[in-house]
């Protein structure tokens, strides 16, 4: 059976995960001494995109471990 408490827990933890992702992205952009958008979009800086992607994958793994 579907338990309403589990649904609320999933929605809450999903919201927390989204907020953590947003804060992390904002912090990484603020710390960077250059324009992240310009580097990735205009200059095609693949290594920077891979770095950002790997940080978000690691963060997703940590959040999913916290949920389970």
Protein backbone atom coordinates (compact mmCIF):
# COMPACT_ATOMS: atom_id res chain seq x y z
CA UNK A 1 0.00 0.00 0.00
CA UNK A 2 1.04 3.56 -0.60
CA UNK A 3 1.82 5.30 2.65
CA UNK A 4 1.27 9.07 2.74
CA UNK A 5 4.21 9.50 5.14
CA UNK A 6 6.58 7.95 2.60
CA UNK A 7 5.29 10.23 -0.15
CA UNK A 8 5.80 13.29 2.04
CA UNK A 9 9.30 12.11 2.93
CA UNK A 10 10.23 11.63 -0.73
CA UNK A 11 8.89 15.06 -1.69
CA UNK A 12 10.71 16.71 1.24
CA UNK A 13 14.03 15.01 0.52
CA UNK A 14 13.70 15.80 -3.19
CA UNK A 15 13.16 19.46 -2.33
CA UNK A 16 16.18 19.45 -0.04
CA UNK A 17 18.26 17.84 -2.79
CA UNK A 18 17.22 20.47 -5.32
CA UNK A 19 18.05 23.26 -2.88
CA UNK A 20 21.47 21.72 -2.16
CA UNK A 21 22.16 21.48 -5.92
CA UNK A 22 21.14 25.13 -6.41
CA UNK A 23 23.30 26.35 -3.52
CA UNK A 24 26.27 24.32 -4.75
CA UNK A 25 25.96 25.68 -8.28
CA UNK A 26 25.59 29.26 -7.01
CA UNK A 27 28.65 28.83 -4.76
CA UNK A 28 30.77 27.35 -7.56
CA UNK A 29 29.85 30.23 -9.89
CA UNK A 30 30.63 32.83 -7.19
CA UNK A 31 33.99 31.25 -6.31
CA UNK A 32 35.12 30.98 -9.93
CA UNK A 33 37.34 33.89 -11.02
CA UNK A 34 35.85 33.79 -14.53
CA UNK A 35 32.46 33.64 -16.21
CA UNK A 36 31.35 30.01 -16.12
CA UNK A 37 28.67 30.59 -18.77
CA UNK A 38 31.18 32.19 -21.15
CA UNK A 39 33.78 29.47 -20.59
CA UNK A 40 31.36 26.59 -21.21
CA UNK A 41 29.07 28.04 -23.89
CA UNK A 42 31.26 30.39 -25.92
CA UNK A 43 34.78 29.04 -25.38
CA UNK A 44 33.65 25.37 -25.40
CA UNK A 45 35.68 24.59 -22.27
CA UNK A 46 34.95 20.87 -22.01
CA UNK A 47 37.13 20.30 -18.96
CA UNK A 48 35.17 22.85 -16.94
CA UNK A 49 31.90 21.23 -17.98
CA UNK A 50 33.24 17.81 -16.94
CA UNK A 51 34.34 19.25 -13.60
CA UNK A 52 30.89 20.73 -12.92
CA UNK A 53 29.21 17.51 -14.04
CA UNK A 54 31.37 15.35 -11.81
CA UNK A 55 30.69 17.58 -8.79
CA UNK A 56 26.94 17.24 -9.40
CA UNK A 57 27.18 13.47 -9.85
CA UNK A 58 29.12 13.16 -6.58
CA UNK A 59 26.56 15.37 -4.86
CA UNK A 60 23.72 13.24 -6.24
CA UNK A 61 25.39 10.09 -4.88
CA UNK A 62 25.72 11.68 -1.44
CA UNK A 63 22.09 12.86 -1.42
CA UNK A 64 20.82 9.45 -2.53
CA UNK A 65 22.88 7.76 0.20
CA UNK A 66 21.27 10.08 2.72
CA UNK A 67 17.80 9.16 1.52
CA UNK A 68 18.41 5.41 1.68
